[in-house]
PDB file of N, CA and C in Angstrom:
ATOM      1  N   MET A   1      99.676 105.102 100.710  1.00  0.00           N
ATOM      2  CA  MET A   1      99.965 104.701  99.343  1.00  0.00           C
ATOM      3  C   MET A   1      99.778 105.896  98.400  1.00  0.00           C
ATOM      4  N   THR A   2     100.614 105.948  97.404  1.00  0.00           N
ATOM      5  CA  THR A   2     100.623 107.064  96.464  1.00  0.00           C
ATOM      6  C   THR A   2      99.560 106.906  95.389  1.00  0.00           C
ATOM      7  N   LYS A   3      98.887 108.008  95.088  1.00  0.00           N
ATOM      8  CA  LYS A   3      97.956 108.042  93.967  1.00  0.00           C
ATOM      9  C   LYS A   3      98.750 108.340  92.701  1.00  0.00           C
ATOM     10  N   TYR A   4      98.270 107.860  91.567  1.00  0.00           N
ATOM     11  CA  TYR A   4      98.919 108.109  90.284  1.00  0.00           C
ATOM     12  C   TYR A   4      97.910 108.679  89.308  1.00  0.00           C
ATOM     13  N   GLN A   5      98.362 109.668  88.514  1.00  0.00           N
ATOM     14  CA  GLN A   5      97.477 110.327  87.562  1.00  0.00           C
ATOM     15  C   GLN A   5      97.879 110.002  86.130  1.00  0.00           C
ATOM     16  N   CYS A   6      96.865 109.739  85.307  1.00  0.00           N
ATOM     17  CA  CYS A   6      97.061 109.474  83.885  1.00  0.00           C
ATOM     18  C   CYS A   6      97.386 110.786  83.182  1.00  0.00           C
ATOM     19  N   GLY A   7      98.509 110.829  82.478  1.00  0.00           N
ATOM     20  CA  GLY A   7      98.903 112.045  81.774  1.00  0.00           C
ATOM     21  C   GLY A   7      97.907 112.485  80.707  1.00  0.00           C
ATOM     22  N   PRO A   8      97.495 111.583  79.809  1.00  0.00           N
ATOM     23  CA  PRO A   8      96.599 112.000  78.731  1.00  0.00           C
ATOM     24  C   PRO A   8      95.204 112.455  79.175  1.00  0.00           C
ATOM     25  N   CYS A   9      94.580 111.772  80.149  1.00  0.00           N
ATOM     26  CA  CYS A   9      93.175 112.098  80.448  1.00  0.00           C
ATOM     27  C   CYS A   9      92.935 112.638  81.850  1.00  0.00           C
ATOM     28  N   GLY A  10      93.916 112.502  82.757  1.00  0.00           N
ATOM     29  CA  GLY A  10      93.753 113.049  84.097  1.00  0.00           C
ATOM     30  C   GLY A  10      93.136 112.107  85.118  1.00  0.00           C
ATOM     31  N   TYR A  11      92.775 110.879  84.697  1.00  0.00           N
ATOM     32  CA  TYR A  11      92.239 109.891  85.654  1.00  0.00           C
ATOM     33  C   TYR A  11      93.244 109.672  86.769  1.00  0.00           C
ATOM     34  N   VAL A  12      92.765 109.608  88.004  1.00  0.00           N
ATOM     35  CA  VAL A  12      93.643 109.363  89.150  1.00  0.00           C
ATOM     36  C   VAL A  12      93.352 107.963  89.695  1.00  0.00           C
ATOM     37  N   TYR A  13      94.403 107.125  89.707  1.00  0.00           N
ATOM     38  CA  TYR A  13      94.283 105.806  90.337  1.00  0.00           C
ATOM     39  C   TYR A  13      94.546 105.982  91.824  1.00  0.00           C
ATOM     40  N   ASP A  14      93.546 105.654  92.628  1.00  0.00           N
ATOM     41  CA  ASP A  14      93.645 105.747  94.085  1.00  0.00           C
ATOM     42  C   ASP A  14      93.736 104.329  94.633  1.00  0.00           C
ATOM     43  N   PRO A  15      94.889 103.959  95.221  1.00  0.00           N
ATOM     44  CA  PRO A  15      95.040 102.592  95.723  1.00  0.00           C
ATOM     45  C   PRO A  15      94.030 102.212  96.793  1.00  0.00           C
ATOM     46  N   GLU A  16      93.507 103.190  97.526  1.00  0.00           N
ATOM     47  CA  GLU A  16      92.511 102.880  98.555  1.00  0.00           C
ATOM     48  C   GLU A  16      91.191 102.428  97.923  1.00  0.00           C
ATOM     49  N   VAL A  17      90.940 102.847  96.691  1.00  0.00           N
ATOM     50  CA  VAL A  17      89.708 102.488  95.978  1.00  0.00           C
ATOM     51  C   VAL A  17      89.946 101.304  95.045  1.00  0.00           C
ATOM     52  N   GLY A  18      91.140 101.237  94.444  1.00  0.00           N
ATOM     53  CA  GLY A  18      91.427 100.210  93.446  1.00  0.00           C
ATOM     54  C   GLY A  18      90.727 100.538  92.140  1.00  0.00           C
ATOM     55  N   ASP A  19      90.467  99.522  91.348  1.00  0.00           N
ATOM     56  CA  ASP A  19      89.735  99.676  90.088  1.00  0.00           C
ATOM     57  C   ASP A  19      88.787  98.491  89.973  1.00  0.00           C
ATOM     58  N   PRO A  20      87.687  98.524  90.741  1.00  0.00           N
ATOM     59  CA  PRO A  20      86.781  97.373  90.805  1.00  0.00           C
ATOM     60  C   PRO A  20      86.248  96.927  89.450  1.00  0.00           C
ATOM     61  N   ASP A  21      86.040  97.868  88.522  1.00  0.00           N
ATOM     62  CA  ASP A  21      85.531  97.502  87.200  1.00  0.00           C
ATOM     63  C   ASP A  21      86.522  96.647  86.418  1.00  0.00           C
ATOM     64  N   SER A  22      87.805  96.744  86.776  1.00  0.00           N
ATOM     65  CA  SER A  22      88.840  95.945  86.117  1.00  0.00           C
ATOM     66  C   SER A  22      89.317  94.788  86.991  1.00  0.00           C
ATOM     67  N   GLY A  23      88.623  94.560  88.118  1.00  0.00           N
ATOM     68  CA  GLY A  23      88.979  93.447  88.989  1.00  0.00           C
ATOM     69  C   GLY A  23      90.129  93.731  89.929  1.00  0.00           C
ATOM     70  N   VAL A  24      90.458  95.014  90.146  1.00  0.00           N
ATOM     71  CA  VAL A  24      91.550  95.381  91.041  1.00  0.00           C
ATOM     72  C   VAL A  24      90.947  95.756  92.392  1.00  0.00           C
ATOM     73  N   ALA A  25      91.319  95.016  93.410  1.00  0.00           N
ATOM     74  CA  ALA A  25      90.753  95.196  94.744  1.00  0.00           C
ATOM     75  C   ALA A  25      91.259  96.467  95.416  1.00  0.00           C
ATOM     76  N   PRO A  26      90.415  97.064  96.283  1.00  0.00           N
ATOM     77  CA  PRO A  26      90.898  98.183  97.093  1.00  0.00           C
ATOM     78  C   PRO A  26      92.139  97.759  97.882  1.00  0.00           C
ATOM     79  N   GLY A  27      93.060  98.703  98.050  1.00  0.00           N
ATOM     80  CA  GLY A  27      94.293  98.403  98.770  1.00  0.00           C
ATOM     81  C   GLY A  27      95.427  97.940  97.874  1.00  0.00           C
ATOM     82  N   THR A  28      95.200  97.880  96.551  1.00  0.00           N
ATOM     83  CA  THR A  28      96.235  97.453  95.609  1.00  0.00           C
ATOM     84  C   THR A  28      97.097  98.651  95.217  1.00  0.00           C
ATOM     85  N   ALA A  29      98.379  98.596  95.559  1.00  0.00           N
ATOM     86  CA  ALA A  29      99.305  99.667  95.194  1.00  0.00           C
ATOM     87  C   ALA A  29      99.466  99.731  93.683  1.00  0.00           C
ATOM     88  N   PHE A  30      99.745 100.919  93.169  1.00  0.00           N
ATOM     89  CA  PHE A  30      99.930 101.087  91.730  1.00  0.00           C
ATOM     90  C   PHE A  30     101.010 100.134  91.206  1.00  0.00           C
ATOM     91  N   GLU A  31     102.083 100.005  91.972  1.00  0.00           N
ATOM     92  CA  GLU A  31     103.194  99.133  91.568  1.00  0.00           C
ATOM     93  C   GLU A  31     102.773  97.676  91.465  1.00  0.00           C
ATOM     94  N   ASP A  32     101.697  97.305  92.162  1.00  0.00           N
ATOM     95  CA  ASP A  32     101.240  95.916  92.164  1.00  0.00           C
ATOM     96  C   ASP A  32     100.158  95.628  91.127  1.00  0.00           C
ATOM     97  N   LEU A  33      99.783  96.652  90.348  1.00  0.00           N
ATOM     98  CA  LEU A  33      98.807  96.413  89.280  1.00  0.00           C
ATOM     99  C   LEU A  33      99.404  95.478  88.244  1.00  0.00           C
ATOM    100  N   PRO A  34      98.580  94.654  87.607  1.00  0.00           N
ATOM    101  CA  PRO A  34      99.108  93.774  86.559  1.00  0.00           C
ATOM    102  C   PRO A  34      99.762  94.592  85.449  1.00  0.00           C
ATOM    103  N   GLU A  35     100.777  94.033  84.808  1.00  0.00           N
ATOM    104  CA  GLU A  35     101.481  94.737  83.736  1.00  0.00           C
ATOM    105  C   GLU A  35     100.560  95.099  82.576  1.00  0.00           C
ATOM    106  N   ASP A  36      99.484  94.324  82.382  1.00  0.00           N
ATOM    107  CA  ASP A  36      98.583  94.597  81.261  1.00  0.00           C
ATOM    108  C   ASP A  36      97.413  95.511  81.643  1.00  0.00           C
ATOM    109  N   TRP A  37      97.443  96.063  82.874  1.00  0.00           N
ATOM    110  CA  TRP A  37      96.391  96.995  83.299  1.00  0.00           C
ATOM    111  C   TRP A  37      96.504  98.271  82.478  1.00  0.00           C
ATOM    112  N   VAL A  38      95.368  98.826  82.108  1.00  0.00           N
ATOM    113  CA  VAL A  38      95.341 100.081  81.364  1.00  0.00           C
ATOM    114  C   VAL A  38      94.383 101.056  82.034  1.00  0.00           C
ATOM    115  N   CYS A  39      94.535 102.328  81.723  1.00  0.00           N
ATOM    116  CA  CYS A  39      93.656 103.364  82.256  1.00  0.00           C
ATOM    117  C   CYS A  39      92.216 103.027  81.887  1.00  0.00           C
ATOM    118  N   PRO A  40      91.315 102.996  82.869  1.00  0.00           N
ATOM    119  CA  PRO A  40      89.929 102.632  82.577  1.00  0.00           C
ATOM    120  C   PRO A  40      89.172 103.705  81.779  1.00  0.00           C
ATOM    121  N   ILE A  41      89.740 104.898  81.666  1.00  0.00           N
ATOM    122  CA  ILE A  41      89.086 105.969  80.924  1.00  0.00           C
ATOM    123  C   ILE A  41      89.571 106.026  79.473  1.00  0.00           C
ATOM    124  N   CYS A  42      90.904 106.079  79.285  1.00  0.00           N
ATOM    125  CA  CYS A  42      91.416 106.284  77.923  1.00  0.00           C
ATOM    126  C   CYS A  42      92.228 105.115  77.371  1.00  0.00           C
ATOM    127  N   GLY A  43      92.540 104.108  78.215  1.00  0.00           N
ATOM    128  CA  GLY A  43      93.171 102.887  77.722  1.00  0.00           C
ATOM    129  C   GLY A  43      94.683 102.907  77.573  1.00  0.00           C
ATOM    130  N   VAL A  44      95.360 103.965  78.072  1.00  0.00           N
ATOM    131  CA  VAL A  44      96.818 103.968  77.974  1.00  0.00           C
ATOM    132  C   VAL A  44      97.433 103.048  79.025  1.00  0.00           C
ATOM    133  N   THR A  45      98.681 102.698  78.831  1.00  0.00           N
ATOM    134  CA  THR A  45      99.375 101.781  79.731  1.00  0.00           C
ATOM    135  C   THR A  45      99.921 102.510  80.963  1.00  0.00           C
ATOM    136  N   LYS A  46     100.390 101.713  81.932  1.00  0.00           N
ATOM    137  CA  LYS A  46     100.864 102.235  83.211  1.00  0.00           C
ATOM    138  C   LYS A  46     102.003 103.242  83.074  1.00  0.00           C
ATOM    139  N   ASP A  47     102.801 103.134  82.012  1.00  0.00           N
ATOM    140  CA  ASP A  47     103.954 104.034  81.875  1.00  0.00           C
ATOM    141  C   ASP A  47     103.548 105.478  81.567  1.00  0.00           C
ATOM    142  N   MET A  48     102.276 105.701  81.309  1.00  0.00           N
ATOM    143  CA  MET A  48     101.778 107.053  81.045  1.00  0.00           C
ATOM    144  C   MET A  48     101.270 107.727  82.321  1.00  0.00           C
ATOM    145  N   PHE A  49     101.427 107.073  83.469  1.00  0.00           N
ATOM    146  CA  PHE A  49     100.982 107.611  84.751  1.00  0.00           C
ATOM    147  C   PHE A  49     102.153 108.206  85.522  1.00  0.00           C
ATOM    148  N   GLU A  50     101.856 109.256  86.291  1.00  0.00           N
ATOM    149  CA  GLU A  50     102.847 109.915  87.138  1.00  0.00           C
ATOM    150  C   GLU A  50     102.269 110.002  88.554  1.00  0.00           C
ATOM    151  N   PRO A  51     103.128 110.026  89.576  1.00  0.00           N
ATOM    152  CA  PRO A  51     102.625 110.214  90.944  1.00  0.00           C
ATOM    153  C   PRO A  51     101.809 111.507  91.037  1.00  0.00           C
ATOM    154  N   ALA A  52     100.695 111.427  91.728  1.00  0.00           N
ATOM    155  CA  ALA A  52      99.821 112.606  91.839  1.00  0.00           C
ATOM    156  C   ALA A  52     100.034 113.325  93.154  1.00  0.00           C
TER     157      ALA A  52
END
């Protein structure tokens, strides 16, 4: 699975880790994140992320 990096702050979403603080289980692909998911560091939306 592809990792995605936040353009503004550099946070990397790793699908193998997920985002447990936001209720996203490990193994969740970036494409499968809820539409209202935001970067846990700076709060931008998914469209600000690029493949890492």
